[in-house]
């Protein structure tokens, strides 16, 4: 199956955790929903196009930075003693807060659209972008170091394959057993070959567990007169880890350049 492989670089970036407010915490790698949003923006898709994503990468350090934060309560009138801004009689508080930033981020991303005809579209969109791409916040610009179309297959390797020890990856946890009729949505990475090379005996998989947003369904809990639409997110359980290798005793997912792939 064909996929688009991206090598990206970012100088300073925040992949914000949804429920972090006092300090804008960041994920160590971009979540699937953020990557999918970038792909849709670059391709100018006006509706959701199903796709699977593999995310790997690393960063040099994490720093804190200040930003301006605005706070207001709906309908709250301006009071000079507590508000800094007066907007048409309504009060807005202005202050400073802290955001986490990752420095010198390198990413390897595989994009596998459900419709294989879109592989070429995605490739061209990143080869000749219509605007400067961003990933994370709007100001978190991306340098596209390389983009190519690769073939991803389930491979039976003769010897163990090691991911660069400095590279981290999101490895999905929830998949069922793989079969001869390959389906990337039903592939069990952790039971079918993927281990951590420095894990202690009896603990082959060690890392940080995240529950990441991927895509969503818009559900209306209201009625025709008073619609109340909410986004119900499809969440993926992943293990964020490094020192990854694939055992030669199993079949694994690899692209034609020899890199491991972890689709979700």
Protein backbone atom coordinates (compact mmCIF):
# COMPACT_ATOMS: atom_id res chain seq x y z
CA UNK A 1 0.00 0.00 0.00
CA UNK A 2 1.25 3.47 -0.87
CA UNK A 3 1.72 6.22 1.70
CA UNK A 4 3.26 9.69 1.84
CA UNK A 5 6.36 9.99 4.03
CA UNK A 6 7.24 13.41 5.44
CA UNK A 7 10.46 14.57 7.09
CA UNK A 8 9.68 17.79 8.95
CA UNK A 9 11.57 20.21 11.19
CA UNK A 10 10.27 22.81 13.65
CA UNK A 11 12.29 25.29 15.68
CA UNK A 12 9.94 25.98 18.62
CA UNK A 13 6.51 24.39 18.87
CA UNK A 14 3.62 23.60 21.22
CA UNK A 15 1.32 20.62 20.59
CA UNK A 16 -1.16 21.64 23.23
CA UNK A 17 -2.81 19.15 25.56
CA UNK A 18 -6.56 19.89 25.37
CA UNK A 19 -7.22 20.35 29.11
CA UNK A 20 -4.17 22.45 30.04
CA UNK A 21 -5.02 26.08 30.83
CA UNK A 22 -2.88 27.66 33.57
CA UNK A 23 0.18 26.46 31.68
CA UNK A 24 -0.19 25.33 28.08
CA UNK A 25 1.39 21.90 28.29
CA UNK A 26 2.58 20.18 25.14
CA UNK A 27 2.56 16.61 23.90
CA UNK A 28 6.06 15.30 23.08
CA UNK A 29 4.96 14.61 19.49
CA UNK A 30 2.00 15.99 17.52
CA UNK A 31 -1.24 14.06 18.12
CA UNK A 32 -2.98 12.44 15.17
CA UNK A 33 -5.72 15.09 14.95
CA UNK A 34 -3.13 17.86 14.62
CA UNK A 35 -1.32 16.07 11.79
CA UNK A 36 -4.61 15.28 10.02
CA UNK A 37 -5.59 18.95 10.30
CA UNK A 38 -2.32 20.03 8.68
CA UNK A 39 -2.79 17.54 5.83
CA UNK A 40 -6.35 18.71 5.20
CA UNK A 41 -5.28 22.36 5.20
CA UNK A 42 -2.41 21.74 2.77
CA UNK A 43 -4.71 19.76 0.45
CA UNK A 44 -7.56 22.27 0.89
CA UNK A 45 -10.02 19.52 1.71
CA UNK A 46 -13.42 20.96 2.64
CA UNK A 47 -14.61 17.79 4.38
CA UNK A 48 -12.97 15.03 6.36
CA UNK A 49 -11.04 12.47 4.32
CA UNK A 50 -10.29 9.26 6.26
CA UNK A 51 -6.61 8.51 6.71
CA UNK A 52 -4.21 6.69 9.02
CA UNK A 53 -1.17 8.38 10.50
CA UNK A 54 2.18 7.21 11.89
CA UNK A 55 4.14 9.68 14.04
CA UNK A 56 7.81 9.42 15.05
CA UNK A 57 10.24 12.10 16.10
CA UNK A 58 12.52 13.70 18.66
CA UNK A 59 13.33 17.07 20.18
CA UNK A 60 16.40 18.58 21.84
CA UNK A 61 14.92 20.33 24.88
CA UNK A 62 11.79 21.79 26.45
CA UNK A 63 11.55 25.45 27.50
CA UNK A 64 8.90 27.75 28.94
CA UNK A 65 7.76 31.00 27.36
CA UNK A 66 5.27 33.72 28.30
CA UNK A 67 2.18 34.69 26.35
CA UNK A 68 -0.69 37.14 26.77
CA UNK A 69 -3.87 35.59 28.11
CA UNK A 70 -7.34 37.14 27.81
CA UNK A 71 -10.18 36.11 30.13
CA UNK A 72 -13.83 37.11 30.09
CA UNK A 73 -17.22 35.94 31.25
CA UNK A 74 -20.13 36.08 28.86
CA UNK A 75 -22.20 39.19 29.53
CA UNK A 76 -19.99 40.46 32.39
CA UNK A 77 -19.97 44.28 32.51
CA UNK A 78 -16.73 46.25 32.61
CA UNK A 79 -15.35 47.15 36.05
CA UNK A 80 -12.27 49.36 36.12
CA UNK A 81 -11.07 47.77 39.35
CA UNK A 82 -10.88 44.26 37.91
CA UNK A 83 -10.73 44.48 34.11
CA UNK A 84 -7.94 45.72 31.87
CA UNK A 85 -9.97 46.10 28.69
CA UNK A 86 -13.38 47.62 27.97
CA UNK A 87 -15.02 46.27 24.82
CA UNK A 88 -18.44 47.84 24.18
CA UNK A 89 -19.13 47.91 27.90
CA UNK A 90 -18.00 44.35 28.57
CA UNK A 91 -14.96 43.62 30.73
CA UNK A 92 -11.96 41.55 29.65
CA UNK A 93 -9.06 40.60 31.87
CA UNK A 94 -5.56 40.61 30.41
CA UNK A 95 -2.54 38.96 31.96
CA UNK A 96 0.41 36.70 31.31
CA UNK A 97 0.68 32.94 31.43
CA UNK A 98 3.18 30.24 30.53
CA UNK A 99 3.42 27.87 27.60
CA UNK A 100 5.72 24.88 27.10
CA UNK A 101 7.76 24.81 23.90
CA UNK A 102 9.69 21.96 22.34
CA UNK A 103 12.97 22.96 20.72
CA UNK A 104 14.54 21.62 17.51
CA UNK A 105 11.83 19.09 16.66
CA UNK A 106 12.46 16.49 13.96
CA UNK A 107 9.49 14.45 12.73
CA UNK A 108 8.96 11.43 10.49
CA UNK A 109 5.31 11.16 9.54
CA UNK A 110 3.58 8.60 7.32
CA UNK A 111 0.17 9.47 5.86
CA UNK A 112 -1.98 6.63 4.53
CA UNK A 113 -5.27 7.90 3.02
CA UNK A 114 -8.15 5.45 2.81
CA UNK A 115 -8.56 6.45 -0.83
CA UNK A 116 -5.25 5.55 -2.50
CA UNK A 117 -5.98 8.05 -5.29
CA UNK A 118 -5.31 10.81 -2.75
CA UNK A 119 -1.69 9.74 -2.21
CA UNK A 120 -0.54 11.78 -5.19
CA UNK A 121 -2.67 14.76 -4.08
CA UNK A 122 -1.07 14.78 -0.63
CA UNK A 123 2.41 14.38 -2.11
CA UNK A 124 1.91 17.34 -4.47
CA UNK A 125 0.40 19.46 -1.68
CA UNK A 126 3.60 19.15 0.38
CA UNK A 127 5.94 19.24 -2.61
CA UNK A 128 4.45 22.53 -3.78
CA UNK A 129 2.63 24.00 -0.74
CA UNK A 130 0.13 26.80 -1.37
CA UNK A 131 1.11 28.47 1.93
CA UNK A 132 3.78 28.07 4.57
CA UNK A 133 2.65 24.99 6.54
CA UNK A 134 2.22 25.02 10.31
CA UNK A 135 1.80 22.19 12.81
CA UNK A 136 0.65 22.88 16.36
CA UNK A 137 -0.21 26.54 16.84
CA UNK A 138 -0.75 28.73 13.80
CA UNK A 139 2.66 30.34 14.36
CA UNK A 140 4.48 26.99 14.64
CA UNK A 141 5.86 26.88 11.12
CA UNK A 142 7.16 23.71 9.49
CA UNK A 143 10.23 23.21 7.34
CA UNK A 144 9.56 20.39 4.87
CA UNK A 145 12.92 18.65 4.57
CA UNK A 146 11.72 15.77 2.41
CA UNK A 147 8.52 14.31 1.01
CA UNK A 148 8.18 11.08 -0.92
CA UNK A 149 5.73 8.34 -1.82
CA UNK A 150 6.69 5.03 -0.23
CA UNK A 151 5.36 1.49 -0.27
CA UNK A 152 4.39 0.16 3.16
CA UNK A 153 4.17 -3.60 3.58
CA UNK A 154 3.94 -6.26 6.23
CA UNK A 155 7.44 -7.72 6.14
CA UNK A 156 8.96 -10.92 7.48
CA UNK A 157 12.49 -9.74 8.30
CA UNK A 158 15.47 -12.06 8.69
CA UNK A 159 17.01 -10.08 11.56
CA UNK A 160 15.77 -7.61 14.14
CA UNK A 161 15.18 -4.04 12.96
CA UNK A 162 16.07 -1.18 15.30
CA UNK A 163 14.67 2.32 15.27
CA UNK A 164 17.22 5.07 15.89
CA UNK A 165 17.68 5.07 19.69
CA UNK A 166 17.06 8.83 19.80
CA UNK A 167 13.74 8.52 17.98
CA UNK A 168 10.44 8.25 19.84
CA UNK A 169 7.13 7.05 18.45
CA UNK A 170 3.46 6.72 19.24
CA UNK A 171 2.66 2.99 19.16
CA UNK A 172 -1.11 2.24 19.16
CA UNK A 173 -2.28 -0.18 21.86
CA UNK A 174 -5.83 -1.12 21.01
CA UNK A 175 -5.49 -3.20 17.85
CA UNK A 176 -6.61 -6.80 17.48
CA UNK A 177 -4.62 -9.64 15.91
CA UNK A 178 -3.29 -9.15 12.40
CA UNK A 179 -4.13 -11.55 9.62
CA UNK A 180 -3.05 -12.47 6.11
CA UNK A 181 -5.61 -10.00 4.76
CA UNK A 182 -3.82 -6.94 6.09
CA UNK A 183 -5.88 -4.15 7.59
CA UNK A 184 -3.94 -1.32 9.21
CA UNK A 185 -6.87 -0.74 11.59
CA UNK A 186 -6.55 -4.30 12.94
CA UNK A 187 -2.82 -4.60 13.48
CA UNK A 188 -1.45 -5.48 16.89
CA UNK A 189 1.97 -3.82 17.07
CA UNK A 190 2.86 -4.80 20.61
CA UNK A 191 1.88 -8.46 20.24
CA UNK A 192 3.34 -8.77 16.76
CA UNK A 193 6.99 -7.87 17.16
CA UNK A 194 7.52 -4.38 18.59
CA UNK A 195 9.65 -4.25 21.73
CA UNK A 196 11.78 -1.84 23.71
CA UNK A 197 15.43 -2.80 23.41
CA UNK A 198 16.41 -1.64 26.93
CA UNK A 199 13.35 -2.99 28.72
CA UNK A 200 13.93 -5.24 31.71
CA UNK A 201 13.09 -8.91 31.58
CA UNK A 202 9.33 -9.39 31.62
CA UNK A 203 8.67 -5.76 30.67
CA UNK A 204 9.09 -5.62 26.88
CA UNK A 205 6.93 -2.51 26.49
CA UNK A 206 7.68 0.52 28.63
CA UNK A 207 6.83 4.15 28.10
CA UNK A 208 4.19 6.81 28.68
CA UNK A 209 0.58 6.07 27.84
CA UNK A 210 -1.43 8.79 26.11
CA UNK A 211 -5.01 8.90 24.86
CA UNK A 212 -4.87 10.99 21.68
CA UNK A 213 -7.62 12.52 19.57
CA UNK A 214 -7.70 11.39 15.96
CA UNK A 215 -10.97 12.37 14.28
CA UNK A 216 -14.49 13.19 15.41
CA UNK A 217 -18.17 12.79 14.67
CA UNK A 218 -20.50 15.77 15.00
CA UNK A 219 -23.50 14.70 17.12
CA UNK A 220 -26.60 16.86 17.60
CA UNK A 221 -28.09 16.55 21.10
CA UNK A 222 -30.67 19.26 20.45
CA UNK A 223 -33.55 19.54 17.99
CA UNK A 224 -34.34 21.32 14.74
CA UNK A 225 -35.36 24.49 16.56
CA UNK A 226 -32.44 24.50 18.97
CA UNK A 227 -29.56 22.37 17.63
CA UNK A 228 -26.75 21.55 20.05
CA UNK A 229 -23.86 19.96 18.20
CA UNK A 230 -20.90 18.40 19.97
CA UNK A 231 -17.73 16.82 18.64
CA UNK A 232 -17.41 13.22 19.80
CA UNK A 233 -13.74 12.35 19.37
CA UNK A 234 -12.37 9.02 18.28
CA UNK A 235 -9.54 8.52 20.78
CA UNK A 236 -6.51 6.30 20.27
CA UNK A 237 -4.57 4.76 23.16
CA UNK A 238 -0.85 4.85 22.42
CA UNK A 239 2.47 4.14 24.08
CA UNK A 240 5.05 6.91 23.71
CA UNK A 241 8.44 5.24 23.88
CA UNK A 242 11.96 4.97 22.44
CA UNK A 243 14.70 2.34 21.96
CA UNK A 244 12.25 0.44 19.76
CA UNK A 245 13.09 -2.68 17.81
CA UNK A 246 11.15 -5.24 15.80
CA UNK A 247 11.86 -8.92 16.44
CA UNK A 248 12.88 -11.05 13.48
CA UNK A 249 10.46 -13.78 14.58
CA UNK A 250 7.43 -11.75 13.52
CA UNK A 251 6.04 -9.86 10.57
CA UNK A 252 6.26 -6.09 10.91
CA UNK A 253 5.14 -2.97 9.10
CA UNK A 254 7.96 -1.27 7.18
CA UNK A 255 8.26 1.18 4.32
CA UNK A 256 10.53 0.56 1.35
CA UNK A 257 13.30 2.69 2.92
CA UNK A 258 13.54 0.33 5.91
CA UNK A 259 11.74 2.49 8.49
CA UNK A 260 9.22 1.01 10.92
CA UNK A 261 5.65 2.32 10.65
CA UNK A 262 2.95 2.52 13.35
CA UNK A 263 -0.38 3.47 11.77
CA UNK A 264 -3.40 4.61 13.78
